[in-house]
Protein backbone atom coordinates (compact mmCIF):
# COMPACT_ATOMS: atom_id res chain seq x y z
CA MET A 1 0.21 -0.12 0.20
CA GLN A 2 1.12 3.66 -0.81
CA VAL A 3 0.18 6.74 0.44
CA LYS A 4 1.16 9.91 -1.53
CA ILE A 5 0.03 13.42 0.04
CA GLU A 6 -1.77 15.40 -2.78
CA LYS A 7 -2.30 18.53 -0.94
CA GLN A 8 -1.35 20.09 2.38
CA ASP A 9 -1.93 23.24 4.29
CA LYS A 10 -2.23 24.30 7.30
CA GLU A 11 -5.90 23.22 7.95
CA THR A 12 -6.31 20.73 4.88
CA LEU A 13 -4.80 17.47 4.02
CA ILE A 14 -5.45 15.20 0.93
CA ILE A 15 -4.05 11.95 0.65
CA GLU A 16 -4.16 9.28 -2.05
CA ILE A 17 -4.36 5.66 -0.85
CA ASP A 18 -3.26 3.25 -3.19
CA ASN A 19 -4.98 0.30 -2.34
CA GLY A 20 -8.09 0.55 -4.80
CA GLY A 21 -10.57 -0.20 -2.19
CA HIS A 22 -13.30 1.64 -0.30
CA THR A 23 -12.78 -0.28 2.84
CA LEU A 24 -9.89 1.51 4.38
CA PRO A 25 -10.90 5.40 3.38
CA ASN A 26 -14.21 4.93 4.54
CA LEU A 27 -13.51 3.48 7.93
CA LEU A 28 -10.84 6.46 8.42
CA ARG A 29 -13.65 8.86 7.17
CA LYS A 30 -16.23 7.74 9.90
CA ALA A 31 -13.27 7.66 12.78
CA LEU A 32 -12.62 11.20 11.70
CA TRP A 33 -15.98 12.33 12.41
CA ASP A 34 -15.67 11.31 15.98
CA ASP A 35 -13.07 13.99 16.51
CA SER A 36 -14.51 17.60 17.21
CA SER A 37 -11.90 19.50 15.71
CA VAL A 38 -12.76 18.09 12.24
CA SER A 39 -14.74 20.01 10.08
CA LEU A 40 -14.75 17.98 6.68
CA ALA A 41 -13.94 14.15 6.57
CA ALA A 42 -14.74 12.64 3.19
CA TYR A 43 -13.03 10.37 0.51
CA GLU A 44 -13.76 10.03 -3.10
CA LYS A 45 -12.83 7.62 -5.92
CA SER A 46 -13.28 8.81 -9.49
CA HIS A 47 -14.17 5.47 -10.84
CA PRO A 48 -15.66 2.53 -8.61
CA TYR A 49 -13.21 -0.05 -10.43
CA VAL A 50 -9.97 1.93 -11.30
CA GLY A 51 -8.00 4.60 -9.33
CA ALA A 52 -7.28 5.03 -5.97
CA PRO A 53 -9.49 6.83 -3.26
CA ARG A 54 -8.24 10.32 -1.93
CA LEU A 55 -9.11 11.10 1.82
CA ILE A 56 -10.16 14.45 2.41
CA VAL A 57 -9.66 15.87 5.70
CA LYS A 58 -9.99 19.69 7.15
CA SER A 59 -9.44 20.29 10.60
CA LYS A 60 -7.33 22.48 12.88
CA ASP A 61 -4.47 19.93 12.58
CA PRO A 62 -5.19 17.37 9.90
CA LYS A 63 -2.22 15.00 10.20
CA LYS A 64 -2.94 14.70 14.13
CA SER A 65 -6.66 14.03 13.45
CA ILE A 66 -5.68 11.34 11.06
CA MET A 67 -3.34 9.63 13.28
CA SER A 68 -5.97 9.70 16.15
CA ALA A 69 -8.43 7.99 13.74
CA ILE A 70 -5.93 5.41 13.04
CA LYS A 71 -5.46 4.95 16.52
CA ARG A 72 -9.10 4.93 17.70
CA THR A 73 -9.60 2.38 14.89
CA GLN A 74 -6.52 0.41 15.79
CA ASP A 75 -8.00 -0.06 19.63
CA GLN A 76 -11.42 -0.71 18.17
CA ILE A 77 -10.15 -3.73 16.08
CA GLU A 78 -8.23 -4.92 18.92
CA GLN A 79 -11.35 -4.87 21.31
CA PHE A 80 -13.27 -6.64 18.90
CA GLY A 81 -10.70 -9.36 18.38
CA SER A 82 -10.63 -10.21 22.05
CA GLU A 83 -14.40 -10.09 22.38
CA PHE A 84 -14.49 -12.40 19.27
CA GLU A 85 -12.11 -14.66 20.94
CA LYS A 86 -13.93 -14.97 24.03
CA VAL A 87 -17.29 -15.90 22.03
CA LEU A 88 -15.31 -18.46 20.10
CA LYS A 89 -14.19 -20.35 23.16
CA LYS A 90 -17.71 -20.99 24.63
């Protein structure tokens, strides 16, 4: 997976995520909306089958907002994994 910064300024960050799918950018978009400093969190993909999705973030500190969203998402996945393991042992 490759990540490229397309646009960056004080309050805006647009990154291209070269994984082809909708899953990761959609997951991050949703997690970003849990951050009160985020005024815009969206992603776009020019064509459903080709091209890389672009994540668009506007906030007071978009880099920090993205990193926080990644951390929260990782924590949720770890929690889900733990709970799922408990269910499997029953």
